[in-house]
Amino acid sequence: MSLPIALPRDNAAGLIVSAQQIARRVLLNFIRTPQYVVVGTLQGAMFLLIFRYVFGGAIATGGIDYVDFVVPGFITTGVLFNAMYSSVGMAEDMNSGLIARLKSLPIPRSAVLVGRALADTGLQFWSLAITIGLGFAVGFRLHGSWQGALAAAGLVVLFGLVFEWLFLLMGMFAGSAQAAQGGALIIFPFTFVSSAYIPVATMPSWMRGFAENQPVTVMVNAVRGLADGHGAEALLGHPTSYFVIRALIWSVGLIAIFAPLAIAKYARG
């Protein structure tokens, strides 16, 4: 008697159900071993305290207090640092043989990456809540509206999802967790050569052009404008909508590039 063969389900339903199961596994793995996200959160908190109390007195931000300037930058870049660990997790799954087993199942190939990206993005709420709480503890105050603050939080989560795809792709190319962790450090130049921690106007002219137009600066300025209101707009020289629209364009463009590349790499193995 022949054994029954599992037939693929409807593609849309199969994608949703499969992605949910993958996301559930990632979340359970976080509950059991939360070290990666916890370490990333503590690292971000340490940097915030250093910039707030060690460098803050020496950095002029013109019009707004430095703590109100820097906290939106840390909140935005914090999700990028946490997203780095998606690269490590993906490399570990590939080395352990889990990805090979998942590929043998009758599920859409994109479900594994979609599920992991959604779960890792959901974990960003942990870091976001801690960083916001720490920001208020060190003196940050909201100068925009609460509606703007909620919009800023939504943008931060979106940015985390955007860079998830880049780090998932890097994790598949890395070959090992150690190489993935090292390769993910590519994000550091984009975070430090940006408006996250100091005004771009204080940078050398040859660096300023890159810093003003790269995606992290645009994203940070969008969050800063929503959180700090008119003071940030006066400092940045543009209305908040200017940066929000550009941040959304960058987000759509980066996902359009890295999501298909990650899915194609996963399908090829």
Protein backbone atom coordinates (compact mmCIF):
# COMPACT_ATOMS: atom_id res chain seq x y z
CA MET A 1 0.00 0.00 0.00
CA SER A 2 1.44 3.37 -1.01
CA LEU A 3 1.90 6.10 1.56
CA PRO A 4 -0.16 9.30 1.23
CA ILE A 5 1.69 12.25 -0.23
CA ALA A 6 1.33 15.66 1.37
CA LEU A 7 0.09 18.04 -1.30
CA PRO A 8 0.88 21.72 -1.19
CA ARG A 9 -1.97 23.81 0.07
CA ASP A 10 -3.32 26.93 -1.60
CA ASN A 11 -0.33 29.21 -2.07
CA ALA A 12 -1.76 32.22 -0.23
CA ALA A 13 -3.06 30.19 2.69
CA GLY A 14 0.11 28.14 2.73
CA LEU A 15 2.23 31.28 2.91
CA ILE A 16 0.24 32.76 5.79
CA VAL A 17 0.06 29.58 7.86
CA SER A 18 3.68 28.62 7.20
CA ALA A 19 4.98 32.11 7.98
CA GLN A 20 3.00 32.09 11.24
CA GLN A 21 4.59 28.80 12.27
CA ILE A 22 8.10 30.04 11.44
CA ALA A 23 7.46 33.26 13.36
CA ARG A 24 6.20 31.25 16.33
CA ARG A 25 9.38 29.17 16.36
CA VAL A 26 11.58 32.31 16.30
CA LEU A 27 9.62 33.86 19.18
CA LEU A 28 9.83 30.67 21.25
CA ASN A 29 13.56 30.50 20.57
CA PHE A 30 13.87 34.07 21.84
CA ILE A 31 12.03 33.19 25.03
CA ARG A 32 14.41 30.29 25.63
CA THR A 33 17.61 32.13 24.64
CA PRO A 34 17.06 35.88 24.66
CA GLN A 35 20.75 36.73 24.92
CA TYR A 36 21.15 38.23 21.45
CA VAL A 37 18.38 40.80 21.73
CA VAL A 38 19.09 41.50 25.41
CA VAL A 39 22.80 42.09 24.74
CA GLY A 40 21.94 44.39 21.83
CA THR A 41 19.52 46.34 24.00
CA LEU A 42 22.06 46.72 26.81
CA GLN A 43 24.71 47.81 24.34
CA GLY A 44 22.38 50.49 23.00
CA ALA A 45 21.58 51.65 26.54
CA MET A 46 25.28 51.90 27.36
CA PHE A 47 25.97 54.02 24.27
CA LEU A 48 23.02 56.28 25.11
CA LEU A 49 24.35 56.91 28.61
CA ILE A 50 27.83 57.64 27.25
CA PHE A 51 26.61 60.11 24.66
CA ARG A 52 24.16 61.71 27.08
CA TYR A 53 26.54 62.25 30.00
CA VAL A 54 30.07 62.09 28.55
CA PHE A 55 29.80 63.76 25.13
CA GLY A 56 26.52 65.63 25.50
CA GLY A 57 28.01 68.69 27.15
CA ALA A 58 30.46 69.19 24.28
CA ILE A 59 28.02 68.86 21.39
CA ALA A 60 26.01 71.93 20.37
CA THR A 61 22.70 71.18 18.68
CA GLY A 62 21.41 74.72 18.23
CA GLY A 63 17.89 75.29 19.46
CA ILE A 64 17.07 72.02 21.24
CA ASP A 65 18.67 70.27 24.18
CA TYR A 66 21.16 67.57 23.24
CA VAL A 67 19.17 64.88 25.06
CA ASP A 68 16.12 65.72 22.94
CA PHE A 69 18.34 65.60 19.86
CA VAL A 70 20.10 62.32 20.56
CA VAL A 71 17.34 60.11 21.98
CA PRO A 72 15.35 59.91 18.70
CA GLY A 73 18.62 59.01 16.99
CA PHE A 74 19.28 56.19 19.46
CA ILE A 75 15.74 54.90 19.20
CA THR A 76 16.02 54.73 15.42
CA THR A 77 19.50 53.23 15.20
CA GLY A 78 18.75 50.86 18.09
CA VAL A 79 16.42 48.77 15.94
CA LEU A 80 19.15 48.54 13.30
CA PHE A 81 21.65 47.19 15.82
CA ASN A 82 19.11 44.62 17.03
CA ALA A 83 18.30 43.63 13.45
CA MET A 84 21.96 42.64 13.08
CA TYR A 85 21.26 39.53 15.13
CA SER A 86 18.85 38.28 12.48
CA SER A 87 21.94 37.69 10.36
CA VAL A 88 23.44 35.53 13.11
CA GLY A 89 20.19 33.61 13.63
CA MET A 90 19.85 32.90 9.93
CA ALA A 91 23.45 31.66 9.68
CA GLU A 92 22.89 29.36 12.67
CA ASP A 93 19.71 27.92 11.14
CA MET A 94 21.55 27.17 7.91
CA ASN A 95 24.50 25.51 9.65
CA SER A 96 22.25 23.41 11.89
CA GLY A 97 20.44 21.92 8.91
CA LEU A 98 17.09 23.48 9.85
CA ILE A 99 16.83 25.42 6.59
CA ALA A 100 17.51 22.27 4.58
CA ARG A 101 14.70 20.46 6.44
CA LEU A 102 12.31 23.37 5.90
CA LYS A 103 13.07 23.34 2.19
CA SER A 104 11.92 19.72 2.01
CA LEU A 105 8.45 20.68 3.25
CA PRO A 106 5.58 21.51 0.85
CA ILE A 107 5.45 25.19 1.84
CA PRO A 108 6.15 28.37 -0.14
CA ARG A 109 9.85 29.14 -0.20
CA SER A 110 9.26 32.73 0.88
CA ALA A 111 7.37 31.65 4.04
CA VAL A 112 10.56 30.95 6.01
CA LEU A 113 12.00 34.40 5.39
CA VAL A 114 8.68 36.22 5.79
CA GLY A 115 8.02 34.46 9.10
CA ARG A 116 11.48 35.19 10.43
CA ALA A 117 11.39 38.84 9.34
CA LEU A 118 8.00 39.38 10.99
CA ALA A 119 9.05 37.69 14.23
CA ASP A 120 12.33 39.57 14.45
CA THR A 121 10.51 42.82 13.75
CA GLY A 122 8.02 42.01 16.50
CA LEU A 123 10.90 41.57 18.91
CA GLN A 124 11.90 45.14 18.16
CA PHE A 125 9.07 46.28 20.45
CA TRP A 126 11.16 44.98 23.37
CA SER A 127 14.11 47.19 22.47
CA LEU A 128 11.89 50.11 21.51
CA ALA A 129 10.09 50.11 24.86
CA ILE A 130 13.34 49.91 26.86
CA THR A 131 15.09 52.62 24.84
CA ILE A 132 12.12 54.99 25.10
CA GLY A 133 11.88 54.38 28.83
CA LEU A 134 15.61 54.97 29.26
CA GLY A 135 15.38 58.10 27.14
CA PHE A 136 12.74 59.61 29.41
CA ALA A 137 14.80 58.56 32.44
CA VAL A 138 17.84 60.54 31.22
CA GLY A 139 15.84 63.69 30.51
CA PHE A 140 14.22 63.35 27.08
CA ARG A 141 10.88 65.10 26.74
CA LEU A 142 8.35 64.91 23.92
CA HIS A 143 7.86 68.27 22.18
CA GLY A 144 5.64 67.08 19.37
CA SER A 145 2.12 65.66 19.59
CA TRP A 146 1.26 62.20 20.89
CA GLN A 147 -0.05 61.37 17.43
CA GLY A 148 3.36 62.30 16.07
CA ALA A 149 5.05 60.16 18.70
CA LEU A 150 2.94 57.14 17.70
CA ALA A 151 3.77 57.79 14.04
CA ALA A 152 7.46 57.96 14.97
CA ALA A 153 7.23 54.59 16.76
CA GLY A 154 5.54 53.10 13.70
CA LEU A 155 8.33 54.39 11.48
CA VAL A 156 10.96 52.89 13.76
CA VAL A 157 9.32 49.46 13.55
CA LEU A 158 9.10 49.83 9.77
CA PHE A 159 12.81 50.64 9.59
CA GLY A 160 13.55 47.50 11.59
CA LEU A 161 11.59 45.43 9.05
CA VAL A 162 13.42 47.10 6.16
CA PHE A 163 16.87 46.18 7.44
CA GLU A 164 15.74 42.68 8.47
CA TRP A 165 15.86 41.72 4.79
CA LEU A 166 19.40 42.99 4.38
CA PHE A 167 20.63 41.05 7.41
CA LEU A 168 18.76 37.87 6.45
CA LEU A 169 20.50 38.02 3.09
CA MET A 170 23.86 38.55 4.76
CA GLY A 171 23.24 35.63 7.10
CA MET A 172 22.67 33.29 4.15
CA PHE A 173 25.93 34.42 2.53
CA ALA A 174 28.00 34.40 5.74
CA GLY A 175 28.53 30.68 6.22
CA SER A 176 28.84 30.87 10.01
CA ALA A 177 27.39 32.79 12.92
CA GLN A 178 30.75 34.46 13.60
CA ALA A 179 31.10 35.64 10.02
CA ALA A 180 27.50 36.86 10.05
CA GLN A 181 28.09 38.89 13.19
CA GLY A 182 31.22 40.44 11.71
CA GLY A 183 29.59 41.18 8.37
CA ALA A 184 26.62 42.84 10.03
CA LEU A 185 28.98 45.53 11.33
CA ILE A 186 28.55 47.11 7.90
CA ILE A 187 25.74 49.10 9.51
CA PHE A 188 28.14 51.01 11.79
CA PRO A 189 29.38 53.55 9.20
CA PHE A 190 25.78 54.33 8.28
CA THR A 191 24.77 54.94 11.88
CA PHE A 192 27.77 56.99 12.99
CA VAL A 193 28.15 58.98 9.76
CA SER A 194 24.58 60.25 10.08
CA SER A 195 22.55 62.75 12.06
CA ALA A 196 21.79 60.19 14.77
CA TYR A 197 24.28 61.45 17.35
CA ILE A 198 25.62 64.81 16.12
CA PRO A 199 24.37 67.46 13.69
CA VAL A 200 25.53 66.76 10.15
CA ALA A 201 26.57 70.42 9.79
CA THR A 202 29.48 69.79 12.20
CA MET A 203 31.03 67.15 9.93
CA PRO A 204 33.78 67.85 7.34
CA SER A 205 32.40 69.00 3.99
CA TRP A 206 33.62 65.87 2.16
CA MET A 207 31.67 63.69 4.59
CA ARG A 208 28.60 65.87 4.85
CA GLY A 209 27.22 65.05 1.39
CA PHE A 210 27.09 61.34 2.17
CA ALA A 211 25.76 61.86 5.69
CA GLU A 212 22.91 64.13 4.57
CA ASN A 213 21.62 61.83 1.85
CA GLN A 214 22.03 58.30 3.18
CA PRO A 215 18.93 56.45 4.47
CA VAL A 216 19.75 56.38 8.18
CA THR A 217 19.98 60.18 8.36
CA VAL A 218 16.66 60.58 6.57
CA MET A 219 15.01 58.02 8.87
CA VAL A 220 16.46 59.58 12.03
CA ASN A 221 15.38 63.06 10.97
CA ALA A 222 11.85 61.83 10.28
CA VAL A 223 11.60 60.36 13.79
CA ARG A 224 13.26 63.43 15.32
CA GLY A 225 10.85 65.78 13.58
CA LEU A 226 7.83 63.83 14.81
CA ALA A 227 9.16 63.66 18.37
CA ASP A 228 10.67 67.14 18.74
CA GLY A 229 8.23 69.21 16.71
CA HIS A 230 9.03 72.75 15.58
CA GLY A 231 12.42 72.87 17.30
CA ALA A 232 13.67 69.98 15.18
CA GLU A 233 12.20 71.46 12.01
CA ALA A 234 14.03 74.73 12.65
CA LEU A 235 17.28 72.87 13.28
CA LEU A 236 16.97 70.56 10.26
CA GLY A 237 15.78 73.24 7.86
CA HIS A 238 12.84 71.27 6.49
CA PRO A 239 9.32 70.39 7.65
CA THR A 240 8.87 66.94 9.16
CA SER A 241 6.83 65.77 6.16
CA TYR A 242 9.92 66.30 3.98
CA PHE A 243 11.82 63.63 5.89
CA VAL A 244 8.86 61.31 6.48
CA ILE A 245 8.12 61.06 2.76
CA ARG A 246 11.77 60.42 1.94
CA ALA A 247 12.08 57.86 4.71
CA LEU A 248 9.08 55.98 3.31
CA ILE A 249 10.57 56.11 -0.20
CA TRP A 250 13.88 54.73 1.13
CA SER A 251 12.01 51.99 3.01
CA VAL A 252 10.04 50.86 -0.04
CA GLY A 253 13.14 50.98 -2.21
CA LEU A 254 15.32 48.98 0.19
CA ILE A 255 12.68 46.29 0.69
CA ALA A 256 12.16 46.12 -3.10
CA ILE A 257 15.88 45.42 -3.47
CA PHE A 258 16.75 43.16 -0.55
CA ALA A 259 13.58 41.09 -0.11
CA PRO A 260 13.68 39.60 -3.65
CA LEU A 261 17.43 39.06 -3.35
CA ALA A 262 17.01 37.23 -0.02
CA ILE A 263 14.17 35.05 -1.37
CA ALA A 264 16.19 34.24 -4.51
CA LYS A 265 19.25 33.31 -2.43
CA TYR A 266 17.12 31.11 -0.16
CA ALA A 267 15.57 29.35 -3.17
CA ARG A 268 18.98 28.65 -4.71
CA GLY A 269 20.39 27.43 -1.41
